[in-house]
N, C-alpha and C. Protein backbone atom coordinates (compact mmCIF):
# COMPACT_ATOMS: atom_id res chain seq x y z
N MET A 1 -13.44 26.42 -6.33
CA MET A 1 -12.29 26.51 -5.46
C MET A 1 -12.22 25.22 -4.64
N LYS A 2 -11.00 24.76 -4.38
CA LYS A 2 -10.80 23.53 -3.63
C LYS A 2 -10.13 23.86 -2.29
N HIS A 3 -10.58 23.16 -1.25
CA HIS A 3 -10.04 23.32 0.09
C HIS A 3 -9.65 21.95 0.62
N SER A 4 -8.56 21.87 1.38
CA SER A 4 -8.14 20.61 2.00
C SER A 4 -7.77 20.87 3.45
N PHE A 5 -8.17 19.94 4.32
CA PHE A 5 -7.91 20.06 5.75
C PHE A 5 -7.51 18.70 6.30
N SER A 6 -6.59 18.69 7.25
CA SER A 6 -6.21 17.46 7.95
C SER A 6 -6.83 17.46 9.33
N LEU A 7 -7.39 16.31 9.71
CA LEU A 7 -8.04 16.17 11.01
C LEU A 7 -7.58 14.87 11.67
N PRO A 8 -7.81 14.77 12.99
CA PRO A 8 -7.59 13.47 13.62
C PRO A 8 -8.66 12.48 13.13
N PHE A 9 -8.37 11.20 13.26
CA PHE A 9 -9.30 10.18 12.80
C PHE A 9 -10.64 10.34 13.55
N PRO A 10 -11.75 10.43 12.81
CA PRO A 10 -13.04 10.69 13.46
C PRO A 10 -13.62 9.45 14.13
N PRO A 11 -14.52 9.66 15.09
CA PRO A 11 -15.21 8.53 15.69
C PRO A 11 -16.27 7.99 14.73
N SER A 12 -16.58 6.72 14.90
CA SER A 12 -17.63 6.09 14.11
C SER A 12 -18.99 6.64 14.53
N VAL A 13 -19.92 6.63 13.62
CA VAL A 13 -21.28 7.07 13.94
C VAL A 13 -21.84 6.26 15.12
N ASN A 14 -21.38 5.03 15.28
CA ASN A 14 -21.85 4.19 16.38
C ASN A 14 -21.41 4.69 17.74
N GLY A 15 -20.38 5.54 17.79
CA GLY A 15 -19.87 6.03 19.06
C GLY A 15 -20.11 7.51 19.31
N LEU A 16 -20.96 8.14 18.51
CA LEU A 16 -21.17 9.57 18.67
C LEU A 16 -22.04 9.93 19.86
N TYR A 17 -23.02 9.11 20.14
CA TYR A 17 -23.98 9.46 21.18
C TYR A 17 -24.02 8.38 22.24
N ALA A 18 -24.37 8.79 23.46
CA ALA A 18 -24.44 7.88 24.60
C ALA A 18 -25.78 8.03 25.29
N GLY A 19 -26.02 7.19 26.25
CA GLY A 19 -27.28 7.24 26.99
C GLY A 19 -28.26 6.23 26.44
N LYS A 20 -29.29 5.94 27.23
CA LYS A 20 -30.27 4.94 26.82
C LYS A 20 -30.94 5.31 25.51
N ALA A 21 -31.33 6.55 25.39
CA ALA A 21 -31.99 7.00 24.16
C ALA A 21 -30.99 7.61 23.19
N ARG A 22 -29.69 7.51 23.51
CA ARG A 22 -28.62 8.08 22.67
C ARG A 22 -28.88 9.56 22.39
N ARG A 23 -29.13 10.31 23.42
CA ARG A 23 -29.51 11.71 23.28
C ARG A 23 -28.39 12.71 23.53
N TYR A 24 -27.26 12.29 24.05
CA TYR A 24 -26.20 13.26 24.31
C TYR A 24 -24.89 12.75 23.73
N LYS A 25 -24.02 13.71 23.42
CA LYS A 25 -22.73 13.38 22.80
C LYS A 25 -21.88 12.59 23.78
N SER A 26 -21.26 11.54 23.28
CA SER A 26 -20.39 10.70 24.11
C SER A 26 -19.12 11.48 24.48
N PRO A 27 -18.48 11.13 25.59
CA PRO A 27 -17.22 11.79 25.96
C PRO A 27 -16.17 11.69 24.85
N LYS A 28 -16.08 10.55 24.18
CA LYS A 28 -15.11 10.38 23.09
C LYS A 28 -15.41 11.35 21.94
N TYR A 29 -16.69 11.50 21.61
CA TYR A 29 -17.09 12.42 20.53
C TYR A 29 -16.78 13.86 20.93
N LYS A 30 -17.09 14.24 22.16
CA LYS A 30 -16.79 15.60 22.63
C LYS A 30 -15.29 15.89 22.56
N ALA A 31 -14.48 14.92 22.95
CA ALA A 31 -13.02 15.11 22.90
C ALA A 31 -12.55 15.27 21.46
N TRP A 32 -13.11 14.47 20.54
CA TRP A 32 -12.74 14.59 19.13
C TRP A 32 -13.15 15.95 18.57
N ILE A 33 -14.35 16.41 18.90
CA ILE A 33 -14.82 17.71 18.43
C ILE A 33 -13.86 18.81 18.87
N ALA A 34 -13.44 18.76 20.13
CA ALA A 34 -12.52 19.79 20.65
C ALA A 34 -11.19 19.75 19.90
N GLU A 35 -10.60 18.56 19.76
CA GLU A 35 -9.30 18.45 19.09
C GLU A 35 -9.41 18.77 17.60
N ALA A 36 -10.39 18.18 16.93
CA ALA A 36 -10.55 18.39 15.48
C ALA A 36 -10.94 19.84 15.19
N GLY A 37 -11.79 20.42 16.02
CA GLY A 37 -12.19 21.81 15.81
C GLY A 37 -11.02 22.76 15.93
N LEU A 38 -10.15 22.52 16.91
CA LEU A 38 -8.95 23.35 17.06
C LEU A 38 -8.04 23.21 15.85
N LYS A 39 -7.79 21.97 15.41
CA LYS A 39 -6.92 21.76 14.24
C LYS A 39 -7.52 22.40 12.99
N LEU A 40 -8.83 22.28 12.84
CA LEU A 40 -9.49 22.87 11.68
C LEU A 40 -9.40 24.39 11.71
N ASN A 41 -9.64 24.98 12.85
CA ASN A 41 -9.57 26.44 12.96
C ASN A 41 -8.16 26.97 12.77
N LEU A 42 -7.14 26.20 13.18
CA LEU A 42 -5.76 26.62 12.95
C LEU A 42 -5.39 26.60 11.47
N GLN A 43 -6.06 25.74 10.70
CA GLN A 43 -5.78 25.64 9.27
C GLN A 43 -6.58 26.65 8.45
N THR A 44 -7.56 27.29 9.08
CA THR A 44 -8.46 28.20 8.35
C THR A 44 -8.66 29.50 9.11
N PRO A 45 -7.59 30.23 9.43
CA PRO A 45 -7.77 31.42 10.25
C PRO A 45 -8.60 32.52 9.59
N TYR A 46 -8.56 32.62 8.27
CA TYR A 46 -9.27 33.70 7.59
C TYR A 46 -10.17 33.15 6.48
N HIS A 47 -10.90 32.11 6.79
CA HIS A 47 -11.72 31.48 5.75
C HIS A 47 -13.09 32.16 5.62
N GLN A 48 -13.68 31.97 4.47
CA GLN A 48 -15.07 32.36 4.25
C GLN A 48 -15.90 31.10 4.23
N THR A 49 -17.06 31.16 4.82
CA THR A 49 -17.96 30.01 4.85
C THR A 49 -18.41 29.67 3.43
N ILE A 50 -18.39 28.39 3.11
CA ILE A 50 -18.89 27.92 1.82
C ILE A 50 -20.41 27.94 1.90
N GLU A 51 -21.03 28.76 1.07
CA GLU A 51 -22.48 28.94 1.14
C GLU A 51 -23.22 28.30 -0.01
N GLY A 52 -22.49 27.69 -0.94
CA GLY A 52 -23.13 27.05 -2.08
C GLY A 52 -22.87 25.55 -2.07
N GLU A 53 -23.33 24.90 -3.12
CA GLU A 53 -23.17 23.46 -3.22
C GLU A 53 -21.69 23.08 -3.33
N CYS A 54 -21.39 21.90 -2.82
CA CYS A 54 -20.00 21.45 -2.83
C CYS A 54 -19.94 19.92 -2.85
N VAL A 55 -18.74 19.43 -3.15
CA VAL A 55 -18.42 18.01 -3.12
C VAL A 55 -17.41 17.82 -1.99
N VAL A 56 -17.65 16.83 -1.13
CA VAL A 56 -16.75 16.55 -0.01
C VAL A 56 -16.21 15.13 -0.15
N VAL A 57 -14.89 15.01 -0.08
CA VAL A 57 -14.24 13.70 -0.09
C VAL A 57 -13.49 13.56 1.23
N ILE A 58 -13.80 12.50 1.96
CA ILE A 58 -13.16 12.23 3.25
C ILE A 58 -12.18 11.08 3.04
N ASN A 59 -10.89 11.39 3.12
CA ASN A 59 -9.82 10.41 2.93
C ASN A 59 -9.36 9.93 4.30
N LEU A 60 -9.48 8.64 4.55
CA LEU A 60 -9.14 8.08 5.85
C LEU A 60 -8.02 7.04 5.72
N VAL A 61 -7.07 7.11 6.64
CA VAL A 61 -6.02 6.10 6.72
C VAL A 61 -6.42 5.13 7.82
N ARG A 62 -6.48 3.84 7.49
CA ARG A 62 -6.90 2.84 8.47
C ARG A 62 -5.98 2.88 9.69
N PRO A 63 -6.56 3.00 10.89
CA PRO A 63 -5.73 3.06 12.10
C PRO A 63 -5.22 1.68 12.54
N ASP A 64 -5.85 0.61 12.05
CA ASP A 64 -5.43 -0.74 12.39
C ASP A 64 -6.00 -1.69 11.34
N LYS A 65 -5.86 -2.98 11.57
CA LYS A 65 -6.26 -3.98 10.57
C LYS A 65 -7.71 -4.44 10.73
N ARG A 66 -8.44 -3.89 11.69
CA ARG A 66 -9.84 -4.29 11.87
C ARG A 66 -10.67 -3.91 10.65
N GLN A 67 -11.69 -4.72 10.38
CA GLN A 67 -12.62 -4.36 9.31
C GLN A 67 -13.50 -3.23 9.82
N ARG A 68 -13.64 -2.19 9.01
CA ARG A 68 -14.43 -1.02 9.38
C ARG A 68 -15.27 -0.59 8.19
N ASP A 69 -16.42 0.00 8.48
CA ASP A 69 -17.30 0.54 7.45
C ASP A 69 -16.91 2.00 7.23
N VAL A 70 -16.31 2.30 6.10
CA VAL A 70 -15.79 3.65 5.83
C VAL A 70 -16.90 4.72 5.89
N ALA A 71 -18.13 4.34 5.57
CA ALA A 71 -19.22 5.32 5.58
C ALA A 71 -19.61 5.76 6.98
N ASN A 72 -19.22 5.01 8.00
CA ASN A 72 -19.59 5.36 9.38
C ASN A 72 -18.86 6.58 9.92
N TYR A 73 -17.93 7.14 9.18
CA TYR A 73 -17.14 8.27 9.68
C TYR A 73 -17.58 9.61 9.11
N GLU A 74 -18.53 9.61 8.21
CA GLU A 74 -18.97 10.83 7.53
C GLU A 74 -19.69 11.80 8.47
N LYS A 75 -20.56 11.31 9.32
CA LYS A 75 -21.42 12.16 10.15
C LYS A 75 -20.62 13.12 11.03
N ALA A 76 -19.63 12.59 11.73
CA ALA A 76 -18.83 13.44 12.62
C ALA A 76 -18.13 14.55 11.83
N VAL A 77 -17.60 14.19 10.65
CA VAL A 77 -16.86 15.16 9.84
C VAL A 77 -17.79 16.24 9.30
N SER A 78 -18.90 15.87 8.69
CA SER A 78 -19.79 16.88 8.11
C SER A 78 -20.38 17.79 9.19
N ASP A 79 -20.72 17.24 10.35
CA ASP A 79 -21.22 18.09 11.44
C ASP A 79 -20.16 19.05 11.93
N LEU A 80 -18.90 18.61 11.98
CA LEU A 80 -17.81 19.50 12.40
C LEU A 80 -17.61 20.64 11.39
N LEU A 81 -17.69 20.34 10.11
CA LEU A 81 -17.52 21.37 9.08
C LEU A 81 -18.56 22.47 9.22
N VAL A 82 -19.77 22.10 9.60
CA VAL A 82 -20.83 23.09 9.83
C VAL A 82 -20.59 23.84 11.14
N ALA A 83 -20.28 23.11 12.21
CA ALA A 83 -20.08 23.73 13.52
C ALA A 83 -18.93 24.74 13.51
N CYS A 84 -17.90 24.48 12.71
CA CYS A 84 -16.74 25.38 12.63
C CYS A 84 -16.89 26.46 11.57
N GLY A 85 -18.03 26.48 10.89
CA GLY A 85 -18.29 27.53 9.92
C GLY A 85 -17.63 27.33 8.57
N ILE A 86 -17.14 26.13 8.28
CA ILE A 86 -16.56 25.87 6.96
C ILE A 86 -17.69 25.76 5.93
N LEU A 87 -18.74 25.04 6.30
CA LEU A 87 -19.94 24.92 5.45
C LEU A 87 -21.10 25.62 6.13
N LYS A 88 -21.93 26.30 5.33
CA LYS A 88 -23.12 26.94 5.90
C LYS A 88 -24.08 25.88 6.42
N ASP A 89 -24.22 24.79 5.66
CA ASP A 89 -25.13 23.71 6.05
C ASP A 89 -24.70 22.44 5.32
N ASP A 90 -24.83 21.30 5.97
CA ASP A 90 -24.41 20.07 5.30
C ASP A 90 -25.38 19.62 4.22
N SER A 91 -26.54 20.26 4.12
CA SER A 91 -27.45 19.97 3.01
C SER A 91 -26.90 20.49 1.68
N LEU A 92 -25.86 21.32 1.72
CA LEU A 92 -25.22 21.84 0.51
C LEU A 92 -24.27 20.83 -0.13
N ILE A 93 -23.99 19.74 0.57
CA ILE A 93 -23.11 18.70 0.03
C ILE A 93 -23.92 17.89 -0.98
N ILE A 94 -23.53 17.99 -2.26
CA ILE A 94 -24.28 17.27 -3.29
C ILE A 94 -23.63 15.93 -3.63
N ASP A 95 -22.39 15.75 -3.22
CA ASP A 95 -21.68 14.49 -3.43
C ASP A 95 -20.73 14.33 -2.26
N ASN A 96 -20.82 13.20 -1.57
CA ASN A 96 -20.01 12.97 -0.38
C ASN A 96 -19.43 11.57 -0.48
N ARG A 97 -18.10 11.50 -0.50
CA ARG A 97 -17.43 10.20 -0.62
C ARG A 97 -16.47 9.99 0.54
N GLN A 98 -16.33 8.75 0.92
CA GLN A 98 -15.38 8.36 1.95
C GLN A 98 -14.48 7.29 1.34
N LEU A 99 -13.18 7.46 1.53
CA LEU A 99 -12.22 6.54 0.91
C LEU A 99 -11.18 6.09 1.92
N TRP A 100 -10.80 4.81 1.86
CA TRP A 100 -9.63 4.33 2.56
C TRP A 100 -8.43 4.63 1.67
N VAL A 101 -7.42 5.29 2.22
CA VAL A 101 -6.24 5.65 1.45
C VAL A 101 -4.99 5.37 2.28
N ASP A 102 -3.85 5.42 1.62
CA ASP A 102 -2.57 5.39 2.32
C ASP A 102 -2.08 6.83 2.43
N GLY A 103 -1.45 7.17 3.53
CA GLY A 103 -0.95 8.52 3.68
C GLY A 103 -0.30 8.74 5.03
N ASP A 104 0.29 9.91 5.20
CA ASP A 104 0.94 10.27 6.45
C ASP A 104 0.04 11.17 7.30
N PHE A 105 -1.25 10.97 7.18
CA PHE A 105 -2.25 11.72 7.94
C PHE A 105 -3.27 10.70 8.45
N GLU A 106 -4.19 11.14 9.30
CA GLU A 106 -5.26 10.26 9.77
C GLU A 106 -6.52 10.45 8.93
N CYS A 107 -6.83 11.72 8.68
CA CYS A 107 -8.05 12.06 7.95
C CYS A 107 -7.80 13.36 7.18
N ARG A 108 -8.04 13.34 5.88
CA ARG A 108 -7.91 14.55 5.07
C ARG A 108 -9.25 14.80 4.39
N ILE A 109 -9.72 16.02 4.53
CA ILE A 109 -10.99 16.42 3.94
C ILE A 109 -10.69 17.29 2.71
N ASP A 110 -11.24 16.93 1.57
CA ASP A 110 -11.13 17.74 0.37
C ASP A 110 -12.53 18.23 0.01
N ILE A 111 -12.66 19.54 -0.09
CA ILE A 111 -13.95 20.15 -0.42
C ILE A 111 -13.78 20.94 -1.72
N GLU A 112 -14.64 20.70 -2.66
CA GLU A 112 -14.63 21.44 -3.91
C GLU A 112 -15.95 22.18 -4.05
N GLU A 113 -15.85 23.50 -4.13
CA GLU A 113 -17.05 24.31 -4.33
C GLU A 113 -17.53 24.16 -5.78
N ILE A 114 -18.82 24.08 -5.96
CA ILE A 114 -19.42 23.99 -7.29
C ILE A 114 -19.68 25.43 -7.78
N GLU A 115 -19.09 25.75 -8.91
CA GLU A 115 -19.28 27.08 -9.50
C GLU A 115 -20.69 27.18 -10.07
N GLU A 116 -21.32 28.29 -9.82
CA GLU A 116 -22.68 28.50 -10.35
C GLU A 116 -22.64 29.08 -11.73
């Protein structure tokens, strides 16, 4: 089964944590979690948690012309999918890709469950 969700553009892994030892979530990350979590929950009011292996593709539309490392956006997204109950655990992701794409969204997540 395939699932697709639209989210706001995620923060880079470099901006997720703050503090000298980087031990607590940054204000920007907390704000993104709140906004993205609400949008995700509105798109999945009656979902069942994916409890088996899956493939996750994170489609990102560049917000500007700066050079960015597309892989730096995976952590926030996969942690959100677990926190919102979409995935039982991110260790179930057997293939995870991040792509720069053109589109009328900021971030689209495509999840494909692997049939056993």
